[in-house]
Amino acid sequence: MKAIVINEYGSKEKLKEQEVPTPQIKDNQVLVEVYATSINPIDWKLREGYLRQMLDFSFPIILGWDVAGVITEVGRNVTKFKVGDEVFARPDTTANGTYAEYTAVDEDLLAKKPTNISYEQAASIPLAGLTAWQCLVDEVKLKHGEHVLIHAGAGGVGSLAIQFAKHIGAHVATTASEKNEIYVKELGADQFINYRTQQFEEELEKVDAVVDTMGGEILDKSFQVLKPGGRIVTIAGQPKQELATQHQVKATSYWLTPNGQQLSQIGELLEKGIVKPQVGHVFNFSENELREAHKLSETHHAKGKIVIKMK
């Protein structure tokens, strides 16, 4: 099968089109023909070698950990899915990712693709959606009526986190650039903060929870807006526990856990139109277009999700 792989760490030029064996599925897996995948920061961070200590894979590595497609083969122990099912998933983090014509997925990580969205839209959801869901629901345990700050609301995780938070019934503040003010408000944000001209720590106080996607100085400043007993979760580094102690808040770092059951819950919200996919950019499945997609993702200024259309 055709895949885009890396045979060494480095720049986007290391992405190479290559023929590789079609995955051999295990008894608890299905083989999915990939109709669409998407780009996430983990893709280019691993490509650059930043994650080599955490994810010590052997080359060649197929990047990509989002998939939407059709099942073409099922393992002998698979009971909930059959050949022909339209599915989407955040597969397990292995060296055999989704920049390929076929990918193997564990049954418990699969969900039925909502019938009212395209494969490209479905591929935009799993990694970013599960990250946003688990940060809000599992980590900070956001409740109806609470106030939450979601950083980078126009991004892949942020654009879904705003919608989930509004579904929960929270009051949502978000940071974004001026050009995305209307966009984040349409997603449901109650308060827009222009990160180019405003200091969010001067605009907010006594917030119940923060979802940080940026890390660094932004993460450190986020402690200032929380009320005592508040919660902050970051997907971009390690929060300083001395700041958590100083501000009397709970601070955690989070790395998502693939989960088919939660993805099915998100799928129901998509099916009902409560949550809408946010596809900002679509590239075709080729060496050159994957490189362009990585280049865009690395700017941190992509609107919504970057999707790769396979068919």
C-alpha atoms as a PDB file:
ATOM      1  CA  MET A   1       0.000   0.000   0.000  1.00  0.00           C
ATOM      2  CA  LYS A   2       1.023   3.629  -0.410  1.00  0.00           C
ATOM      3  CA  ALA A   3       2.057   5.522   2.707  1.00  0.00           C
ATOM      4  CA  ILE A   4       3.873   8.729   3.601  1.00  0.00           C
ATOM      5  CA  VAL A   5       6.686   7.798   5.984  1.00  0.00           C
ATOM      6  CA  ILE A   6       9.775   9.170   7.655  1.00  0.00           C
ATOM      7  CA  ASN A   7      12.997   7.164   7.598  1.00  0.00           C
ATOM      8  CA  GLU A   8      14.853   9.590   9.861  1.00  0.00           C
ATOM      9  CA  TYR A   9      14.026  12.557  12.082  1.00  0.00           C
ATOM     10  CA  GLY A  10      14.144  16.036  10.654  1.00  0.00           C
ATOM     11  CA  SER A  11      12.312  18.679   8.644  1.00  0.00           C
ATOM     12  CA  LYS A  12       9.120  18.258   6.638  1.00  0.00           C
ATOM     13  CA  GLU A  13      11.330  17.249   3.690  1.00  0.00           C
ATOM     14  CA  LYS A  14      11.809  13.894   5.467  1.00  0.00           C
ATOM     15  CA  LEU A  15       8.194  12.976   4.608  1.00  0.00           C
ATOM     16  CA  LYS A  16       8.494  10.461   1.767  1.00  0.00           C
ATOM     17  CA  GLU A  17       5.950   8.525  -0.267  1.00  0.00           C
ATOM     18  CA  GLN A  18       6.749   4.820  -0.064  1.00  0.00           C
ATOM     19  CA  GLU A  19       5.234   1.392  -0.653  1.00  0.00           C
ATOM     20  CA  VAL A  20       4.861  -0.507   2.626  1.00  0.00           C
ATOM     21  CA  PRO A  21       3.114  -3.752   3.588  1.00  0.00           C
ATOM     22  CA  THR A  22      -0.586  -3.564   4.383  1.00  0.00           C
ATOM     23  CA  PRO A  23      -1.041  -4.050   8.160  1.00  0.00           C
ATOM     24  CA  GLN A  24      -1.812  -7.555   9.436  1.00  0.00           C
ATOM     25  CA  ILE A  25      -4.601  -7.181  11.966  1.00  0.00           C
ATOM     26  CA  LYS A  26      -4.748  -8.884  15.352  1.00  0.00           C
ATOM     27  CA  ASP A  27      -7.790 -10.776  16.620  1.00  0.00           C
ATOM     28  CA  ASN A  28      -9.145  -7.672  18.403  1.00  0.00           C
ATOM     29  CA  GLN A  29      -8.548  -5.292  15.493  1.00  0.00           C
ATOM     30  CA  VAL A  30     -10.153  -4.201  12.249  1.00  0.00           C
ATOM     31  CA  LEU A  31      -8.482  -3.056   9.047  1.00  0.00           C
ATOM     32  CA  VAL A  32      -9.741   0.352   7.948  1.00  0.00           C
ATOM     33  CA  GLU A  33      -9.407   1.696   4.435  1.00  0.00           C
ATOM     34  CA  VAL A  34      -8.417   5.295   5.131  1.00  0.00           C
ATOM     35  CA  TYR A  35     -10.663   7.860   3.437  1.00  0.00           C
ATOM     36  CA  ALA A  36      -9.316  10.802   5.427  1.00  0.00           C
ATOM     37  CA  THR A  37      -6.867  11.627   8.182  1.00  0.00           C
ATOM     38  CA  SER A  38      -5.737  14.861   9.823  1.00  0.00           C
ATOM     39  CA  ILE A  39      -2.679  16.704  11.060  1.00  0.00           C
ATOM     40  CA  ASN A  40      -1.933  17.219  14.751  1.00  0.00           C
ATOM     41  CA  PRO A  41       1.081  18.816  16.467  1.00  0.00           C
ATOM     42  CA  ILE A  42       2.186  15.370  17.684  1.00  0.00           C
ATOM     43  CA  ASP A  43       2.838  14.500  14.017  1.00  0.00           C
ATOM     44  CA  TRP A  44       5.520  17.090  13.361  1.00  0.00           C
ATOM     45  CA  LYS A  45       6.880  17.000  16.904  1.00  0.00           C
ATOM     46  CA  LEU A  46       7.575  13.299  16.457  1.00  0.00           C
ATOM     47  CA  ARG A  47       8.910  13.919  12.922  1.00  0.00           C
ATOM     48  CA  GLU A  48      11.395  16.463  14.302  1.00  0.00           C
ATOM     49  CA  GLY A  49      12.525  13.976  16.960  1.00  0.00           C
ATOM     50  CA  TYR A  50      11.206  15.919  19.967  1.00  0.00           C
ATOM     51  CA  LEU A  51       9.280  12.874  21.227  1.00  0.00           C
ATOM     52  CA  ARG A  52      11.873  10.179  20.567  1.00  0.00           C
ATOM     53  CA  GLN A  53      12.390   9.454  24.259  1.00  0.00           C
ATOM     54  CA  MET A  54       8.660   9.055  24.874  1.00  0.00           C
ATOM     55  CA  LEU A  55       7.889   7.245  21.615  1.00  0.00           C
ATOM     56  CA  ASP A  56      10.924   5.166  20.724  1.00  0.00           C
ATOM     57  CA  PHE A  57       9.791   3.826  17.351  1.00  0.00           C
ATOM     58  CA  SER A  58      11.885   2.070  14.715  1.00  0.00           C
ATOM     59  CA  PHE A  59      11.978   3.487  11.183  1.00  0.00           C
ATOM     60  CA  PRO A  60      10.163   3.695   8.875  1.00  0.00           C
ATOM     61  CA  ILE A  61       7.490   5.518  10.872  1.00  0.00           C
ATOM     62  CA  ILE A  62       4.053   6.246   9.459  1.00  0.00           C
ATOM     63  CA  LEU A  63       2.770   9.352  11.226  1.00  0.00           C
ATOM     64  CA  GLY A  64      -0.884  10.268  11.765  1.00  0.00           C
ATOM     65  CA  TRP A  65      -3.314   9.355  14.554  1.00  0.00           C
ATOM     66  CA  ASP A  66      -6.749  10.252  13.200  1.00  0.00           C
ATOM     67  CA  VAL A  67      -8.744   8.122  10.786  1.00  0.00           C
ATOM     68  CA  ALA A  68     -12.107   8.065   9.070  1.00  0.00           C
ATOM     69  CA  GLY A  69     -12.855   5.286   6.638  1.00  0.00           C
ATOM     70  CA  VAL A  70     -14.474   1.938   5.926  1.00  0.00           C
ATOM     71  CA  ILE A  71     -13.740  -1.433   7.534  1.00  0.00           C
ATOM     72  CA  THR A  72     -12.408  -3.967   5.031  1.00  0.00           C
ATOM     73  CA  GLU A  73     -11.444  -6.791   7.417  1.00  0.00           C
ATOM     74  CA  VAL A  74     -12.297  -7.773  11.008  1.00  0.00           C
ATOM     75  CA  GLY A  75     -10.399  -9.875  13.518  1.00  0.00           C
ATOM     76  CA  ARG A  76     -11.911 -13.085  14.858  1.00  0.00           C
ATOM     77  CA  ASN A  77     -12.689 -11.564  18.273  1.00  0.00           C
ATOM     78  CA  VAL A  78     -14.361  -8.408  16.944  1.00  0.00           C
ATOM     79  CA  THR A  79     -18.090  -8.357  17.749  1.00  0.00           C
ATOM     80  CA  LYS A  80     -19.317  -4.755  17.466  1.00  0.00           C
ATOM     81  CA  PHE A  81     -18.216  -3.936  13.927  1.00  0.00           C
ATOM     82  CA  LYS A  82     -18.378  -5.606  10.513  1.00  0.00           C
ATOM     83  CA  VAL A  83     -16.906  -5.213   7.033  1.00  0.00           C
ATOM     84  CA  GLY A  84     -18.418  -2.179   5.319  1.00  0.00           C
ATOM     85  CA  ASP A  85     -19.002  -0.150   8.484  1.00  0.00           C
ATOM     86  CA  GLU A  86     -18.126   3.542   8.239  1.00  0.00           C
ATOM     87  CA  VAL A  87     -15.984   4.393  11.258  1.00  0.00           C
ATOM     88  CA  PHE A  88     -13.684   6.972  12.789  1.00  0.00           C
ATOM     89  CA  ALA A  89     -11.046   6.598  15.475  1.00  0.00           C
ATOM     90  CA  ARG A  90      -7.999   7.838  17.265  1.00  0.00           C
ATOM     91  CA  PRO A  91      -5.927   4.648  16.872  1.00  0.00           C
ATOM     92  CA  ASP A  92      -3.306   3.556  19.361  1.00  0.00           C
ATOM     93  CA  THR A  93      -0.021   5.462  19.158  1.00  0.00           C
ATOM     94  CA  THR A  94       2.177   3.125  17.134  1.00  0.00           C
ATOM     95  CA  ALA A  95       4.750   3.472  14.359  1.00  0.00           C
ATOM     96  CA  ASN A  96       2.050   2.446  11.873  1.00  0.00           C
ATOM     97  CA  GLY A  97      -0.105   5.551  11.739  1.00  0.00           C
ATOM     98  CA  THR A  98      -2.756   6.831   9.367  1.00  0.00           C
ATOM     99  CA  TYR A  99      -0.788   8.542   6.583  1.00  0.00           C
ATOM    100  CA  ALA A 100      -1.495   5.371   4.631  1.00  0.00           C
ATOM    101  CA  GLU A 101      -4.127   3.688   2.492  1.00  0.00           C
ATOM    102  CA  TYR A 102      -4.952   1.230   5.290  1.00  0.00           C
ATOM    103  CA  THR A 103      -4.534   1.207   9.062  1.00  0.00           C
ATOM    104  CA  ALA A 104      -5.238  -1.306  11.843  1.00  0.00           C
ATOM    105  CA  VAL A 105      -7.427  -0.141  14.743  1.00  0.00           C
ATOM    106  CA  ASP A 106      -8.321  -1.873  18.024  1.00  0.00           C
ATOM    107  CA  GLU A 107     -12.059  -2.510  18.284  1.00  0.00           C
ATOM    108  CA  ASP A 108     -12.388  -0.623  21.583  1.00  0.00           C
ATOM    109  CA  LEU A 109     -10.949   2.538  19.993  1.00  0.00           C
ATOM    110  CA  LEU A 110     -13.483   2.603  17.144  1.00  0.00           C
ATOM    111  CA  ALA A 111     -16.738   4.517  16.799  1.00  0.00           C
ATOM    112  CA  LYS A 112     -19.364   4.600  14.054  1.00  0.00           C
ATOM    113  CA  LYS A 113     -18.966   7.633  11.822  1.00  0.00           C
ATOM    114  CA  PRO A 114     -21.894  10.030  12.209  1.00  0.00           C
ATOM    115  CA  THR A 115     -24.032   9.767   9.077  1.00  0.00           C
ATOM    116  CA  ASN A 116     -24.494  13.518   8.711  1.00  0.00           C
ATOM    117  CA  ILE A 117     -20.822  14.437   8.282  1.00  0.00           C
ATOM    118  CA  SER A 118     -18.219  13.701   5.621  1.00  0.00           C
ATOM    119  CA  TYR A 119     -15.141  11.525   6.027  1.00  0.00           C
ATOM    120  CA  GLU A 120     -13.023  14.691   6.041  1.00  0.00           C
ATOM    121  CA  GLN A 121     -15.113  16.160   8.846  1.00  0.00           C
ATOM    122  CA  ALA A 122     -15.038  12.887  10.776  1.00  0.00           C
ATOM    123  CA  ALA A 123     -11.246  12.683  10.487  1.00  0.00           C
ATOM    124  CA  SER A 124     -10.961  16.120  12.091  1.00  0.00           C
ATOM    125  CA  ILE A 125     -12.552  14.962  15.331  1.00  0.00           C
ATOM    126  CA  PRO A 126     -10.887  12.034  17.166  1.00  0.00           C
ATOM    127  CA  LEU A 127      -7.570  13.312  18.541  1.00  0.00           C
ATOM    128  CA  ALA A 128      -8.595  16.942  19.032  1.00  0.00           C
ATOM    129  CA  GLY A 129     -12.098  16.002  20.181  1.00  0.00           C
ATOM    130  CA  LEU A 130     -10.967  13.426  22.716  1.00  0.00           C
ATOM    131  CA  THR A 131      -8.301  15.814  23.995  1.00  0.00           C
ATOM    132  CA  ALA A 132     -10.865  18.584  24.524  1.00  0.00           C
ATOM    133  CA  TRP A 133     -13.424  16.171  26.017  1.00  0.00           C
ATOM    134  CA  GLN A 134     -11.026  14.524  28.444  1.00  0.00           C
ATOM    135  CA  CYS A 135      -9.551  17.861  29.561  1.00  0.00           C
ATOM    136  CA  LEU A 136     -12.980  19.328  30.286  1.00  0.00           C
ATOM    137  CA  VAL A 137     -14.887  16.291  31.526  1.00  0.00           C
ATOM    138  CA  ASP A 138     -12.258  14.022  33.074  1.00  0.00           C
ATOM    139  CA  GLU A 139      -9.575  16.435  34.249  1.00  0.00           C
ATOM    140  CA  VAL A 140     -11.126  19.763  35.303  1.00  0.00           C
ATOM    141  CA  LYS A 141     -14.622  18.232  35.647  1.00  0.00           C
ATOM    142  CA  LEU A 142     -16.309  21.348  34.294  1.00  0.00           C
ATOM    143  CA  LYS A 143     -19.822  21.913  35.616  1.00  0.00           C
ATOM    144  CA  HIS A 144     -22.893  23.817  34.479  1.00  0.00           C
ATOM    145  CA  GLY A 145     -22.645  27.502  35.393  1.00  0.00           C
ATOM    146  CA  GLU A 146     -18.876  27.556  35.866  1.00  0.00           C
ATOM    147  CA  HIS A 147     -16.526  29.958  34.086  1.00  0.00           C
ATOM    148  CA  VAL A 148     -13.764  28.475  31.907  1.00  0.00           C
ATOM    149  CA  LEU A 149     -10.905  30.011  29.929  1.00  0.00           C
ATOM    150  CA  ILE A 150      -9.995  28.078  26.795  1.00  0.00           C
ATOM    151  CA  HIS A 151      -6.787  29.239  25.141  1.00  0.00           C
ATOM    152  CA  ALA A 152      -6.481  29.371  21.335  1.00  0.00           C
ATOM    153  CA  GLY A 153     -10.184  28.939  20.713  1.00  0.00           C
ATOM    154  CA  ALA A 154      -9.811  28.996  16.922  1.00  0.00           C
ATOM    155  CA  GLY A 155      -7.460  25.992  16.890  1.00  0.00           C
ATOM    156  CA  GLY A 156      -8.244  22.311  16.518  1.00  0.00           C
ATOM    157  CA  VAL A 157      -8.633  21.509  20.216  1.00  0.00           C
ATOM    158  CA  GLY A 158      -9.953  24.925  21.213  1.00  0.00           C
ATOM    159  CA  SER A 159     -12.734  25.052  18.625  1.00  0.00           C
ATOM    160  CA  LEU A 160     -14.159  21.770  19.915  1.00  0.00           C
ATOM    161  CA  ALA A 161     -13.518  22.598  23.580  1.00  0.00           C
ATOM    162  CA  ILE A 162     -15.631  25.758  23.263  1.00  0.00           C
ATOM    163  CA  GLN A 163     -18.535  23.725  21.899  1.00  0.00           C
ATOM    164  CA  PHE A 164     -18.234  21.018  24.570  1.00  0.00           C
ATOM    165  CA  ALA A 165     -18.029  23.636  27.332  1.00  0.00           C
ATOM    166  CA  LYS A 166     -21.176  25.371  26.069  1.00  0.00           C
ATOM    167  CA  HIS A 167     -22.953  21.998  25.886  1.00  0.00           C
ATOM    168  CA  ILE A 168     -22.028  21.449  29.536  1.00  0.00           C
ATOM    169  CA  GLY A 169     -23.510  24.870  30.303  1.00  0.00           C
ATOM    170  CA  ALA A 170     -20.386  26.828  31.173  1.00  0.00           C
ATOM    171  CA  HIS A 171     -19.543  30.476  30.552  1.00  0.00           C
ATOM    172  CA  VAL A 172     -16.638  30.454  28.073  1.00  0.00           C
ATOM    173  CA  ALA A 173     -13.845  32.979  27.611  1.00  0.00           C
ATOM    174  CA  THR A 174     -11.281  32.353  24.898  1.00  0.00           C
ATOM    175  CA  THR A 175      -8.141  33.876  23.408  1.00  0.00           C
ATOM    176  CA  ALA A 176      -7.733  34.275  19.655  1.00  0.00           C
ATOM    177  CA  SER A 177      -6.587  36.817  17.072  1.00  0.00           C
ATOM    178  CA  GLU A 178      -8.820  39.649  15.880  1.00  0.00           C
ATOM    179  CA  LYS A 179      -9.579  37.904  12.573  1.00  0.00           C
ATOM    180  CA  ASN A 180     -11.127  34.977  14.488  1.00  0.00           C
ATOM    181  CA  GLU A 181     -13.357  36.996  16.849  1.00  0.00           C
ATOM    182  CA  ILE A 182     -16.564  36.306  14.926  1.00  0.00           C
ATOM    183  CA  TYR A 183     -15.560  32.671  14.432  1.00  0.00           C
ATOM    184  CA  VAL A 184     -15.049  31.852  18.129  1.00  0.00           C
ATOM    185  CA  LYS A 185     -18.227  33.704  19.071  1.00  0.00           C
ATOM    186  CA  GLU A 186     -20.150  31.630  16.529  1.00  0.00           C
ATOM    187  CA  LEU A 187     -18.711  28.527  18.221  1.00  0.00           C
ATOM    188  CA  GLY A 188     -20.265  29.769  21.466  1.00  0.00           C
ATOM    189  CA  ALA A 189     -17.590  31.822  23.214  1.00  0.00           C
ATOM    190  CA  ASP A 190     -19.136  34.356  25.588  1.00  0.00           C
ATOM    191  CA  GLN A 191     -16.012  36.465  25.940  1.00  0.00           C
ATOM    192  CA  PHE A 192     -13.360  37.071  23.267  1.00  0.00           C
ATOM    193  CA  ILE A 193      -9.868  38.199  24.263  1.00  0.00           C
ATOM    194  CA  ASN A 194      -7.582  39.444  21.498  1.00  0.00           C
ATOM    195  CA  TYR A 195      -4.229  37.979  22.480  1.00  0.00           C
ATOM    196  CA  ARG A 196      -2.391  40.502  20.272  1.00  0.00           C
ATOM    197  CA  THR A 197      -3.782  43.605  21.992  1.00  0.00           C
ATOM    198  CA  GLN A 198      -5.092  42.398  25.360  1.00  0.00           C
ATOM    199  CA  GLN A 199      -3.556  40.636  28.327  1.00  0.00           C
ATOM    200  CA  PHE A 200      -5.950  37.848  29.288  1.00  0.00           C
ATOM    201  CA  GLU A 201      -4.731  37.926  32.898  1.00  0.00           C
ATOM    202  CA  GLU A 202      -5.933  41.547  33.105  1.00  0.00           C
ATOM    203  CA  GLU A 203      -9.314  40.753  31.531  1.00  0.00           C
ATOM    204  CA  LEU A 204     -10.317  37.794  33.716  1.00  0.00           C
ATOM    205  CA  GLU A 205     -10.506  36.916  37.387  1.00  0.00           C
ATOM    206  CA  LYS A 206     -11.968  34.205  39.583  1.00  0.00           C
ATOM    207  CA  VAL A 207     -12.271  31.692  36.751  1.00  0.00           C
ATOM    208  CA  ASP A 208     -13.179  28.130  37.769  1.00  0.00           C
ATOM    209  CA  ALA A 209     -11.087  26.314  35.158  1.00  0.00           C
ATOM    210  CA  VAL A 210      -8.498  26.848  32.421  1.00  0.00           C
ATOM    211  CA  VAL A 211      -7.721  24.629  29.430  1.00  0.00           C
ATOM    212  CA  ASP A 212      -4.234  25.550  28.209  1.00  0.00           C
ATOM    213  CA  THR A 213      -3.008  24.521  24.763  1.00  0.00           C
ATOM    214  CA  MET A 214      -0.017  26.862  24.551  1.00  0.00           C
ATOM    215  CA  GLY A 215       2.338  26.213  27.466  1.00  0.00           C
ATOM    216  CA  GLY A 216       5.234  28.436  28.514  1.00  0.00           C
ATOM    217  CA  GLU A 217       4.494  31.973  29.680  1.00  0.00           C
ATOM    218  CA  ILE A 218       0.796  31.660  28.807  1.00  0.00           C
ATOM    219  CA  LEU A 219       0.500  28.624  31.071  1.00  0.00           C
ATOM    220  CA  ASP A 220       2.264  30.430  33.909  1.00  0.00           C
ATOM    221  CA  LYS A 221       0.074  33.541  33.581  1.00  0.00           C
ATOM    222  CA  SER A 222      -3.076  31.415  33.526  1.00  0.00           C
ATOM    223  CA  PHE A 223      -2.738  30.726  37.254  1.00  0.00           C
ATOM    224  CA  GLN A 224      -3.459  34.410  37.911  1.00  0.00           C
ATOM    225  CA  VAL A 225      -7.037  34.224  36.583  1.00  0.00           C
ATOM    226  CA  LEU A 226      -8.118  31.235  38.673  1.00  0.00           C
ATOM    227  CA  LYS A 227     -10.023  31.514  41.908  1.00  0.00           C
ATOM    228  CA  PRO A 228      -8.841  29.483  44.931  1.00  0.00           C
ATOM    229  CA  GLY A 229      -9.941  25.902  44.403  1.00  0.00           C
ATOM    230  CA  GLY A 230      -9.856  26.357  40.618  1.00  0.00           C
ATOM    231  CA  ARG A 231      -8.429  23.834  38.153  1.00  0.00           C
ATOM    232  CA  ILE A 232      -6.031  24.137  35.242  1.00  0.00           C
ATOM    233  CA  VAL A 233      -5.066  21.483  32.722  1.00  0.00           C
ATOM    234  CA  THR A 234      -2.413  21.873  30.045  1.00  0.00           C
ATOM    235  CA  ILE A 235      -1.584  19.785  26.992  1.00  0.00           C
ATOM    236  CA  ALA A 236       1.569  21.803  26.334  1.00  0.00           C
ATOM    237  CA  GLY A 237       4.084  21.135  29.069  1.00  0.00           C
ATOM    238  CA  GLN A 238       4.245  20.730  32.815  1.00  0.00           C
ATOM    239  CA  PRO A 239       2.532  23.246  35.117  1.00  0.00           C
ATOM    240  CA  LYS A 240       4.656  24.629  37.942  1.00  0.00           C
ATOM    241  CA  GLN A 241       3.384  23.151  41.170  1.00  0.00           C
ATOM    242  CA  GLU A 242       4.761  26.081  43.159  1.00  0.00           C
ATOM    243  CA  LEU A 243       2.320  28.298  41.235  1.00  0.00           C
ATOM    244  CA  ALA A 244      -0.484  25.846  41.969  1.00  0.00           C
ATOM    245  CA  THR A 245       0.336  26.038  45.676  1.00  0.00           C
ATOM    246  CA  GLN A 246       0.641  29.830  45.604  1.00  0.00           C
ATOM    247  CA  HIS A 247      -2.763  30.265  43.933  1.00  0.00           C
ATOM    248  CA  GLN A 248      -4.406  27.358  45.815  1.00  0.00           C
ATOM    249  CA  VAL A 249      -5.474  25.539  42.648  1.00  0.00           C
ATOM    250  CA  LYS A 250      -5.123  22.083  41.127  1.00  0.00           C
ATOM    251  CA  ALA A 251      -2.813  21.917  38.102  1.00  0.00           C
ATOM    252  CA  THR A 252      -2.304  18.920  35.825  1.00  0.00           C
ATOM    253  CA  SER A 253      -0.686  18.050  32.518  1.00  0.00           C
ATOM    254  CA  TYR A 254      -2.663  15.816  30.186  1.00  0.00           C
ATOM    255  CA  TRP A 255      -1.924  13.382  27.372  1.00  0.00           C
ATOM    256  CA  LEU A 256      -5.040  11.931  25.824  1.00  0.00           C
ATOM    257  CA  THR A 257      -6.123   8.303  26.121  1.00  0.00           C
ATOM    258  CA  PRO A 258      -7.731   6.874  22.950  1.00  0.00           C
ATOM    259  CA  ASN A 259     -11.271   5.827  23.849  1.00  0.00           C
ATOM    260  CA  GLY A 260     -13.916   4.499  21.473  1.00  0.00           C
ATOM    261  CA  GLN A 261     -16.737   4.859  23.985  1.00  0.00           C
ATOM    262  CA  GLN A 262     -16.068   8.562  24.533  1.00  0.00           C
ATOM    263  CA  LEU A 263     -15.659   9.054  20.802  1.00  0.00           C
ATOM    264  CA  SER A 264     -19.105   7.496  20.335  1.00  0.00           C
ATOM    265  CA  GLN A 265     -20.507  10.049  22.813  1.00  0.00           C
ATOM    266  CA  ILE A 266     -18.914  12.826  20.781  1.00  0.00           C
ATOM    267  CA  GLY A 267     -20.350  11.176  17.660  1.00  0.00           C
ATOM    268  CA  GLU A 268     -23.852  11.471  19.129  1.00  0.00           C
ATOM    269  CA  LEU A 269     -23.354  15.208  19.662  1.00  0.00           C
ATOM    270  CA  LEU A 270     -22.196  15.500  16.045  1.00  0.00           C
ATOM    271  CA  GLU A 271     -25.157  13.454  14.817  1.00  0.00           C
ATOM    272  CA  LYS A 272     -27.566  15.774  16.639  1.00  0.00           C
ATOM    273  CA  GLY A 273     -25.829  18.910  15.364  1.00  0.00           C
ATOM    274  CA  ILE A 274     -24.968  20.024  18.903  1.00  0.00           C
ATOM    275  CA  VAL A 275     -21.274  19.984  17.984  1.00  0.00           C
ATOM    276  CA  LYS A 276     -20.024  20.845  14.497  1.00  0.00           C
ATOM    277  CA  PRO A 277     -16.696  19.728  12.989  1.00  0.00           C
ATOM    278  CA  GLN A 278     -14.230  22.527  12.316  1.00  0.00           C
ATOM    279  CA  VAL A 279     -12.265  21.754   9.150  1.00  0.00           C
ATOM    280  CA  GLY A 280     -10.225  24.773   8.220  1.00  0.00           C
ATOM    281  CA  HIS A 281      -7.893  23.330   5.582  1.00  0.00           C
ATOM    282  CA  VAL A 282      -7.934  20.279   3.296  1.00  0.00           C
ATOM    283  CA  PHE A 283      -4.901  18.827   1.529  1.00  0.00           C
ATOM    284  CA  ASN A 284      -4.639  15.840  -0.804  1.00  0.00           C
ATOM    285  CA  PHE A 285      -2.697  12.683   0.033  1.00  0.00           C
ATOM    286  CA  SER A 286       0.709  13.230  -1.507  1.00  0.00           C
ATOM    287  CA  GLU A 287       4.265  13.801  -0.374  1.00  0.00           C
ATOM    288  CA  ASN A 288       4.244  17.489  -1.322  1.00  0.00           C
ATOM    289  CA  GLU A 289       0.820  18.258   0.140  1.00  0.00           C
ATOM    290  CA  LEU A 290       1.659  16.503   3.427  1.00  0.00           C
ATOM    291  CA  ARG A 291       4.730  18.703   3.669  1.00  0.00           C
ATOM    292  CA  GLU A 292       2.597  21.799   3.126  1.00  0.00           C
ATOM    293  CA  ALA A 293       0.119  20.596   5.736  1.00  0.00           C
ATOM    294  CA  HIS A 294       2.934  20.119   8.269  1.00  0.00           C
ATOM    295  CA  LYS A 295       4.287  23.588   7.442  1.00  0.00           C
ATOM    296  CA  LEU A 296       0.883  25.114   8.172  1.00  0.00           C
ATOM    297  CA  SER A 297       0.462  23.187  11.434  1.00  0.00           C
ATOM    298  CA  GLU A 298       3.875  24.324  12.636  1.00  0.00           C
ATOM    299  CA  THR A 299       2.802  27.993  12.394  1.00  0.00           C
ATOM    300  CA  HIS A 300       0.236  27.419  15.204  1.00  0.00           C
ATOM    301  CA  HIS A 301      -2.111  29.669  13.208  1.00  0.00           C
ATOM    302  CA  ALA A 302      -4.259  27.131  11.401  1.00  0.00           C
ATOM    303  CA  LYS A 303      -7.982  27.758  11.824  1.00  0.00           C
ATOM    304  CA  GLY A 304      -9.809  24.613  12.905  1.00  0.00           C
ATOM    305  CA  LYS A 305      -8.327  21.298  11.800  1.00  0.00           C
ATOM    306  CA  ILE A 306      -6.010  20.453   8.910  1.00  0.00           C
ATOM    307  CA  VAL A 307      -7.397  17.420   7.088  1.00  0.00           C
ATOM    308  CA  ILE A 308      -5.852  15.082   4.518  1.00  0.00           C
ATOM    309  CA  LYS A 309      -8.279  13.759   1.907  1.00  0.00           C
ATOM    310  CA  MET A 310      -7.276  10.321   0.667  1.00  0.00           C
ATOM    311  CA  LYS A 311      -9.986   9.776  -1.956  1.00  0.00           C
END
